[in-house]
Protein backbone atom coordinates (compact mmCIF):
# COMPACT_ATOMS: atom_id res chain seq x y z
CA MET A 1 -82.54 10.38 81.77
CA LEU A 2 -84.66 8.89 79.10
CA SER A 3 -86.94 11.47 77.73
CA GLY A 4 -89.97 11.63 75.03
CA SER A 5 -92.86 13.45 73.04
CA GLY A 6 -94.45 10.73 71.83
CA LYS A 7 -97.89 12.23 72.15
CA SER A 8 -97.50 14.41 69.78
CA ARG A 9 -96.21 11.53 67.33
CA LYS A 10 -98.87 10.76 65.25
CA PRO A 11 -100.83 7.63 65.97
CA LYS A 12 -99.49 4.49 64.78
CA ARG A 13 -100.77 0.73 64.50
CA ILE A 14 -98.80 -1.47 66.71
CA VAL A 15 -98.34 -4.82 67.28
CA VAL A 16 -97.56 -5.61 71.02
CA MET A 17 -95.92 -8.87 71.58
CA VAL A 18 -96.34 -10.41 75.10
CA TYR A 19 -95.94 -13.55 77.30
CA VAL A 20 -99.38 -13.50 79.44
CA VAL A 21 -101.38 -17.04 77.70
CA ARG A 22 -97.98 -19.14 78.50
CA CYS A 23 -97.06 -17.12 81.97
CA PRO A 24 -100.16 -16.67 83.64
CA LEU A 25 -98.37 -14.98 86.37
CA GLY A 26 -99.00 -11.31 87.99
CA GLY A 27 -95.53 -10.00 88.06
CA MET A 28 -95.14 -11.34 84.47
CA ALA A 29 -98.09 -10.00 83.20
CA TRP A 30 -97.48 -6.20 84.52
CA HIS A 31 -94.30 -6.42 82.82
CA TYR A 32 -95.85 -7.20 79.09
CA LEU A 33 -99.41 -5.08 79.76
CA GLN A 34 -97.92 -1.83 80.73
CA TYR A 35 -96.25 -1.62 77.28
CA ALA A 36 -99.48 -1.91 75.69
CA MET A 37 -101.54 0.13 78.59
CA GLY A 38 -98.94 2.74 78.21
CA LEU A 39 -99.07 3.03 74.37
CA LYS A 40 -102.91 3.26 74.25
CA ARG A 41 -102.57 5.86 76.49
CA LEU A 42 -100.34 8.02 74.20
CA GLY A 43 -103.30 7.10 71.19
CA HIS A 44 -101.49 4.52 69.55
CA GLU A 45 -104.12 1.48 68.18
CA VAL A 46 -102.94 -1.72 69.88
CA LEU A 47 -102.90 -5.26 69.02
CA VAL A 48 -101.89 -6.91 72.03
CA TYR A 49 -100.59 -10.55 70.11
CA GLU A 50 -98.99 -13.90 71.91
CA ASP A 51 -97.89 -16.87 69.99
CA SER A 52 -97.57 -20.47 71.60
CA GLU A 53 -94.73 -21.14 69.83
CA ASP A 54 -94.13 -24.85 67.74
CA TYR A 55 -93.21 -26.43 71.24
CA ALA A 56 -95.25 -27.00 74.82
CA CYS A 57 -94.18 -23.92 76.69
CA CYS A 58 -97.58 -22.86 78.78
CA TYR A 59 -97.30 -23.09 81.79
CA ASP A 60 -100.94 -23.79 83.92
CA PRO A 61 -99.82 -22.82 87.82
CA SER A 62 -103.02 -24.89 88.90
CA ARG A 63 -101.34 -28.00 87.85
CA HIS A 64 -97.54 -27.16 88.24
CA VAL A 65 -97.03 -28.45 84.64
CA THR A 66 -95.72 -26.73 81.45
CA ASP A 67 -97.19 -28.04 78.03
CA THR A 68 -99.61 -27.04 75.21
CA ASP A 69 -102.61 -26.75 77.33
CA THR A 70 -103.91 -23.45 76.96
CA VAL A 71 -107.13 -23.34 78.91
CA TYR A 72 -105.81 -21.91 82.42
CA GLY A 73 -103.83 -19.28 80.34
CA LEU A 74 -106.54 -17.86 77.74
CA LYS A 75 -108.52 -17.70 81.33
CA PHE A 76 -106.40 -15.68 83.20
CA ALA A 77 -105.66 -13.60 79.91
CA ARG A 78 -108.93 -12.57 78.80
CA ASP A 79 -109.26 -11.50 82.37
CA VAL A 80 -106.30 -9.71 82.74
CA TYR A 81 -107.17 -7.90 79.51
CA GLN A 82 -110.49 -7.32 80.67
CA LYS A 83 -109.94 -5.32 83.76
CA THR A 84 -107.29 -3.36 82.24
CA GLY A 85 -108.93 -1.91 79.66
CA LEU A 86 -107.52 -4.14 77.01
CA GLY A 87 -110.04 -6.79 76.35
CA ASP A 88 -111.46 -5.87 73.12
CA ASN A 89 -107.42 -5.53 71.86
CA TRP A 90 -106.07 -8.82 71.73
CA ALA A 91 -105.22 -11.92 69.80
CA TYR A 92 -103.36 -15.58 70.74
CA TYR A 93 -102.61 -17.84 68.14
CA ASP A 94 -102.09 -21.64 68.78
CA ALA A 95 -99.78 -23.27 66.38
CA HIS A 96 -100.40 -26.62 67.84
CA THR A 97 -104.07 -26.56 66.74
CA ASN A 98 -103.82 -23.85 63.81
CA ARG A 99 -106.38 -22.07 65.89
CA TRP A 100 -106.71 -17.90 66.96
CA HIS A 101 -108.02 -16.97 70.14
CA GLY A 102 -109.04 -13.51 71.73
CA GLU A 103 -111.42 -10.38 70.55
CA ARG A 104 -109.20 -10.18 67.71
CA ALA A 105 -108.57 -13.09 66.24
CA ALA A 106 -111.18 -12.80 63.30
CA ASP A 107 -108.81 -9.98 62.29
CA ALA A 108 -105.48 -9.90 63.82
CA ILE A 109 -103.61 -10.95 60.51
CA ASP A 110 -105.78 -8.04 58.79
CA PHE A 111 -104.12 -6.01 61.72
CA CYS A 112 -100.89 -6.81 61.44
CA ALA A 113 -101.29 -6.33 57.54
CA GLY A 114 -101.77 -2.63 58.23
CA ALA A 115 -99.27 -2.30 61.12
CA ASP A 116 -96.74 0.08 61.17
CA MET A 117 -94.68 -1.63 64.53
CA LEU A 118 -94.44 -4.47 66.10
CA ILE A 119 -92.64 -4.83 69.53
CA ASN A 120 -91.25 -8.37 70.44
CA ILE A 121 -90.66 -7.69 74.27
CA SER A 122 -87.72 -10.11 75.67
CA GLY A 123 -88.04 -11.45 71.92
CA SER A 124 -90.67 -13.93 73.47
CA ASN A 125 -92.35 -14.19 70.59
CA PRO A 126 -91.66 -15.22 66.66
CA ILE A 127 -91.96 -13.99 64.10
CA ARG A 128 -94.04 -15.37 61.34
CA PRO A 129 -95.46 -14.49 57.91
CA TRP A 130 -97.93 -12.19 58.49
CA LEU A 131 -95.40 -10.20 60.61
CA GLN A 132 -92.54 -10.06 58.68
CA SER A 133 -93.74 -7.34 56.35
CA ILE A 134 -94.48 -4.66 59.27
CA PRO A 135 -91.74 -1.88 58.87
CA GLN A 136 -90.33 -1.59 62.12
CA ARG A 137 -89.62 -4.59 64.37
CA VAL A 138 -88.57 -3.86 67.52
CA PHE A 139 -87.13 -6.51 69.60
CA ILE A 140 -86.30 -5.62 73.11
CA ASP A 141 -83.88 -7.26 75.01
CA THR A 142 -84.80 -7.28 78.87
CA ASP A 143 -81.92 -10.00 80.12
CA PRO A 144 -79.26 -8.11 78.44
CA VAL A 145 -75.67 -10.21 78.79
CA PHE A 146 -77.15 -13.40 79.26
CA GLU A 147 -79.19 -12.02 75.56
CA GLN A 148 -76.10 -11.23 73.75
CA VAL A 149 -73.91 -14.14 74.62
CA ARG A 150 -77.40 -16.30 73.41
CA GLN A 151 -77.22 -14.24 69.96
CA LEU A 152 -73.39 -15.28 69.92
CA THR A 153 -74.03 -18.86 70.93
CA VAL A 154 -77.35 -19.94 69.83
CA PRO A 155 -78.21 -19.56 66.12
CA GLU A 156 -81.87 -20.10 66.56
CA ARG A 157 -81.93 -17.26 68.71
CA TYR A 158 -79.89 -15.20 66.31
CA ASN A 159 -82.30 -15.98 63.65
CA ARG A 160 -84.88 -15.27 65.65
CA ALA A 161 -83.44 -11.55 66.43
CA LYS A 162 -82.62 -11.28 62.60
CA ALA A 163 -86.00 -10.99 61.80
CA HIS A 164 -85.88 -7.55 63.34
CA ASN A 165 -84.18 -3.95 62.57
CA VAL A 166 -84.89 -2.36 65.56
CA PHE A 167 -82.40 -3.37 69.30
CA PHE A 168 -83.47 -1.71 72.56
CA THR A 169 -81.93 -3.71 75.53
CA PHE A 170 -82.40 -2.82 79.26
CA GLY A 171 -79.10 -3.04 79.85
CA GLU A 172 -77.85 0.82 79.92
CA ASN A 173 -73.90 0.02 79.83
CA VAL A 174 -74.71 -2.75 77.37
CA ARG A 175 -72.60 -0.28 74.27
CA SER A 176 -70.41 1.74 76.91
CA SER A 177 -67.53 1.50 78.06
CA ARG A 178 -69.25 1.36 81.74
CA GLY A 179 -70.12 -2.32 81.15
CA SER A 180 -68.34 -5.14 79.51
CA VAL A 181 -70.83 -7.05 77.70
CA PRO A 182 -70.02 -8.68 74.59
CA ASP A 183 -70.62 -7.73 71.34
CA ASP A 184 -73.00 -9.81 69.30
CA GLY A 185 -73.55 -7.03 66.75
CA TRP A 186 -76.64 -5.80 67.29
CA PRO A 187 -77.21 -2.16 67.50
CA TRP A 188 -78.42 -1.89 70.50
CA LYS A 189 -80.18 1.29 72.28
CA PRO A 190 -81.17 1.79 75.88
CA THR A 191 -84.45 1.68 77.45
CA ARG A 192 -86.37 0.72 80.69
CA GLN A 193 -89.74 -0.58 81.88
CA PRO A 194 -92.50 1.88 81.01
CA ILE A 195 -94.65 1.92 84.63
CA VAL A 196 -98.31 3.59 84.37
CA LEU A 197 -98.83 5.27 87.25
CA ASP A 198 -102.00 5.69 87.52
CA THR A 199 -102.24 1.78 88.05
CA TRP A 200 -99.98 2.03 90.68
CA PRO A 201 -101.30 4.17 93.82
CA VAL A 202 -99.27 4.81 96.86
CA LEU A 203 -100.88 3.58 100.03
CA PRO A 204 -99.90 4.31 103.88
CA LEU A 205 -96.66 2.45 104.96
CA PRO A 206 -97.78 -0.52 106.72
CA ASP A 207 -96.53 -0.96 110.56
CA ALA A 208 -94.09 -3.71 109.58
CA ASN A 209 -90.40 -2.87 108.32
CA ARG A 210 -90.97 -5.71 105.96
CA PHE A 211 -88.69 -5.79 103.07
CA THR A 212 -89.63 -8.11 100.55
CA THR A 213 -88.68 -9.62 96.64
CA VAL A 214 -89.85 -11.87 94.20
CA MET A 215 -86.92 -14.12 93.01
CA GLN A 216 -85.92 -17.06 91.09
CA TRP A 217 -82.67 -19.05 92.69
CA ASP A 218 -81.90 -20.06 89.55
CA SER A 219 -84.51 -19.48 85.99
CA TYR A 220 -82.11 -21.12 83.93
CA PRO A 221 -78.63 -22.39 83.38
CA ALA A 222 -76.03 -19.49 83.51
CA ARG A 223 -73.85 -19.10 81.01
CA GLU A 224 -69.83 -18.65 79.79
CA TYR A 225 -68.56 -17.00 77.34
CA GLU A 226 -64.99 -16.24 76.25
CA GLY A 227 -63.52 -17.87 79.63
CA LYS A 228 -66.49 -15.64 81.51
CA LYS A 229 -68.78 -17.00 83.78
CA TYR A 230 -72.21 -15.06 83.69
CA GLY A 231 -74.55 -17.04 87.26
CA LEU A 232 -77.53 -15.93 88.33
CA LYS A 233 -79.21 -14.81 91.82
CA ALA A 234 -77.24 -18.25 93.42
CA GLN A 235 -74.59 -16.73 92.66
CA SER A 236 -75.27 -13.14 93.49
CA PHE A 237 -76.71 -14.39 96.79
CA ASP A 238 -73.78 -16.10 98.48
CA PRO A 239 -72.29 -13.39 100.01
CA TYR A 240 -75.84 -11.88 101.47
CA PHE A 241 -77.03 -14.63 103.65
CA GLU A 242 -76.32 -13.80 106.93
CA LEU A 243 -77.66 -10.12 106.07
CA PRO A 244 -80.46 -10.91 108.46
CA ALA A 245 -78.42 -10.91 111.24
CA LEU A 246 -76.87 -7.54 110.65
CA CYS A 247 -80.36 -5.72 110.14
CA SER A 248 -81.81 -5.83 113.22
CA GLY A 249 -85.46 -4.46 113.38
CA ALA A 250 -85.87 -5.40 109.72
CA GLN A 251 -87.96 -8.45 108.16
CA LEU A 252 -86.55 -9.67 105.28
CA GLU A 253 -88.72 -11.74 103.42
CA LEU A 254 -88.00 -13.47 99.63
CA ALA A 255 -90.98 -15.11 97.45
CA LEU A 256 -89.00 -17.71 96.25
CA GLY A 257 -88.84 -19.82 93.34
CA SER A 258 -86.98 -22.70 92.01
CA PRO A 259 -86.87 -26.10 93.81
CA ASP A 260 -83.15 -25.69 94.10
CA ALA A 261 -83.23 -23.10 96.18
CA PRO A 262 -81.76 -23.75 99.90
CA ARG A 263 -85.09 -23.13 101.53
CA ASP A 264 -83.73 -24.99 104.97
CA ARG A 265 -80.50 -22.66 105.53
CA LEU A 266 -82.27 -19.56 104.64
CA ILE A 267 -84.39 -20.07 107.58
CA GLU A 268 -81.97 -21.01 109.36
CA LEU A 269 -80.10 -17.83 109.10
CA GLY A 270 -83.51 -15.60 109.54
CA TRP A 271 -85.08 -15.71 106.31
CA ARG A 272 -88.81 -15.19 106.03
CA LEU A 273 -89.77 -16.93 103.18
CA SER A 274 -92.86 -16.83 101.31
CA ASP A 275 -95.40 -18.49 98.14
CA PRO A 276 -94.16 -17.06 94.96
CA LEU A 277 -97.40 -18.49 93.71
CA ALA A 278 -99.54 -16.98 95.95
CA ALA A 279 -97.83 -13.75 95.46
CA THR A 280 -98.37 -14.31 91.75
CA LEU A 281 -101.44 -15.51 91.29
CA ASP A 282 -102.51 -13.02 89.21
CA PRO A 283 -101.87 -8.67 88.62
CA TRP A 284 -103.88 -7.84 91.70
CA SER A 285 -102.35 -10.16 94.41
CA TYR A 286 -98.78 -9.61 93.18
CA GLN A 287 -99.47 -5.44 93.69
CA SER A 288 -100.80 -6.12 96.91
CA PHE A 289 -97.85 -7.82 98.31
CA ILE A 290 -95.87 -5.32 97.07
CA GLN A 291 -98.53 -2.68 98.80
CA HIS A 292 -97.85 -4.80 102.32
CA SER A 293 -94.10 -3.92 101.95
CA LEU A 294 -92.31 -1.17 103.55
CA GLY A 295 -89.78 -1.57 100.42
CA GLU A 296 -87.70 -4.35 98.54
CA PHE A 297 -84.58 -5.87 99.14
CA SER A 298 -82.94 -7.72 96.44
CA VAL A 299 -79.78 -9.10 94.38
CA ALA A 300 -79.41 -8.73 91.50
CA LYS A 301 -78.07 -12.16 88.57
CA HIS A 302 -74.47 -12.30 89.06
CA GLY A 303 -74.31 -11.71 85.12
CA TYR A 304 -76.09 -8.12 85.27
CA VAL A 305 -73.18 -7.39 88.24
CA VAL A 306 -69.98 -8.73 86.50
CA ALA A 307 -70.63 -7.12 83.29
CA HIS A 308 -72.27 -3.75 84.52
CA THR A 309 -74.74 -3.79 81.91
CA GLY A 310 -76.74 -1.30 83.97
CA TRP A 311 -79.97 -3.33 83.80
CA PHE A 312 -82.34 -2.17 85.97
CA SER A 313 -85.70 -4.47 86.92
CA GLU A 314 -89.33 -3.95 86.08
CA ARG A 315 -90.17 -5.10 89.27
CA SER A 316 -88.31 -3.19 91.92
CA ALA A 317 -89.84 -0.24 89.03
CA CYS A 318 -93.00 -1.31 90.22
CA TYR A 319 -91.86 -0.94 94.11
CA LEU A 320 -90.47 2.39 93.23
CA ALA A 321 -94.08 3.59 91.65
CA SER A 322 -96.36 2.31 94.52
CA GLY A 323 -93.84 4.53 96.86
CA ARG A 324 -91.99 1.52 98.12
CA PRO A 325 -88.11 2.19 98.44
CA VAL A 326 -86.07 -0.13 96.95
CA VAL A 327 -82.71 -1.47 97.80
CA VAL A 328 -81.17 -3.38 95.42
CA GLN A 329 -77.58 -4.62 93.89
CA ASP A 330 -76.14 -2.11 92.02
CA THR A 331 -75.71 -3.12 88.36
CA GLY A 332 -74.58 -0.03 86.71
CA PHE A 333 -78.11 1.65 87.35
CA SER A 334 -76.72 4.06 89.44
CA GLY A 335 -74.50 6.21 86.06
CA HIS A 336 -78.22 6.73 85.54
CA MET A 337 -80.66 7.37 88.39
CA PRO A 338 -80.01 8.77 91.60
CA THR A 339 -79.29 6.65 94.47
CA GLY A 340 -79.54 7.40 98.21
CA ARG A 341 -83.09 8.58 98.74
CA GLY A 342 -85.87 6.13 97.56
CA LEU A 343 -83.89 4.11 95.24
CA LEU A 344 -80.69 2.75 97.14
CA SER A 345 -77.65 0.60 95.73
CA PHE A 346 -75.72 -1.37 97.27
CA THR A 347 -72.29 -3.94 96.63
CA THR A 348 -71.89 -5.12 99.69
CA PRO A 349 -73.50 -6.88 102.61
CA ALA A 350 -72.77 -3.94 104.68
CA GLN A 351 -73.96 -1.44 102.59
CA ALA A 352 -77.03 -3.41 101.80
CA ALA A 353 -77.35 -3.42 105.60
CA ALA A 354 -76.81 0.33 105.95
CA CYS A 355 -79.12 1.04 103.05
CA ILE A 356 -82.15 -1.04 104.91
CA SER A 357 -81.26 1.00 108.45
CA SER A 358 -81.72 4.24 106.39
CA VAL A 359 -85.15 3.29 105.39
CA ILE A 360 -86.11 2.36 108.59
CA ALA A 361 -84.85 5.51 109.94
CA ASP A 362 -87.20 7.32 107.87
CA PRO A 363 -89.49 5.82 105.64
CA GLN A 364 -91.75 8.41 104.76
CA ASP A 365 -89.68 10.78 103.03
CA HIS A 366 -87.90 7.47 100.87
CA SER A 367 -91.14 6.45 100.33
CA ALA A 368 -92.03 10.00 98.64
CA ALA A 369 -88.46 9.90 97.06
CA ALA A 370 -89.38 6.42 95.65
CA ARG A 371 -92.45 7.72 93.61
CA GLU A 372 -90.80 10.50 92.44
CA ILE A 373 -88.56 8.63 90.94
CA ALA A 374 -90.38 6.53 89.56
CA GLU A 375 -92.22 9.58 87.63
CA GLN A 376 -89.21 11.09 86.72
CA TYR A 377 -87.24 7.39 84.97
CA PHE A 378 -89.95 4.84 84.55
CA ASP A 379 -93.44 6.55 83.62
CA SER A 380 -95.07 5.25 80.55
CA ASP A 381 -95.02 8.31 78.67
CA VAL A 382 -91.78 8.79 79.03
CA VAL A 383 -90.03 5.76 78.29
CA LEU A 384 -92.52 5.00 75.21
CA GLY A 385 -92.35 8.65 74.20
CA LYS A 386 -89.05 7.97 74.00
CA LEU A 387 -88.83 4.58 72.13
CA LEU A 388 -91.25 5.74 69.88
CA ASP A 389 -89.21 9.16 68.99
CA GLU A 390 -85.71 7.00 68.58
CA MET A 391 -88.17 4.86 66.23
CA GLU A 392 -89.22 8.66 64.15
CA THR A 393 -85.08 9.15 63.79
CA LYS A 394 -84.41 6.09 62.43
């Protein structure tokens, strides 16, 4: 179990590097926001920082395009930061126009010059010259095995990682004999998604036995390294197409992205499909989608499973915090957290169906256990306290 004592540490100036303007979607925003919110709760001075990159990567869901236009993303970010108590703490650098935006635009570079640490979540931002002198530069890998294969095969990705000097990963088995992740040479240490529990209230359970998730069928190409293939959810899902037939009384719903997803086949086999943009339009629609579910059902990326990475989803952590039990494919996380109540892992369709039946049989017990797991294993005070403690001992 991760544990930490971050509240007792001397306050730091921390640059939290995010991906909110460029990907203005609710679930993605929560992933990054909870780092900044959690560190601020621990008494640290935080700059929420984002960079445009040097290529077109700003997604606008209102136009369904990705380009360099920041109008939608900046409006989304400004609103989200204001509502989460970060309205005075953010800056966005647009390399395409050489302009800064946000409440800290005027002094962002000065803040970076005096910062103690930067935390580059998912390695989602380049390390510009004004960031290079920050003493502790943390890379957090949230995509284990895929990230390590990129480090070994994509020089640009390796060079980005090389600009950091501390390495954490959501793959808790990455440097363990339990996993089989290729060694890219970086000294990865385990961490997991922080959840600011106060922002995830436990509401009464819904009447319907509705299990949901938000997923991409194929968000990027599968990877291959030294003859071993690491696929995406499209590859993991194949044995589970007929799961609805095994789950009498349950509604299985996917807020499903990706144009290549086999929607007609899924509907024919009993899956319910919903619009992923409606569910993820902003952080509160995403939260409502979770709260109106009895629980989550989801497969994991094939690569996470075959490499036994120990990865656990930041989305599933939000379900747990909401008191919504989670039925998810085991990636090796069961070696680090208790399963069976609130968090239920499976490796076969029959096991998945049994887990769903267990939740339906006693939803209140599983709901209480889900929140308890979130409090014990994902509380931002604990997760970020542990991360900061690791930094102190470096």
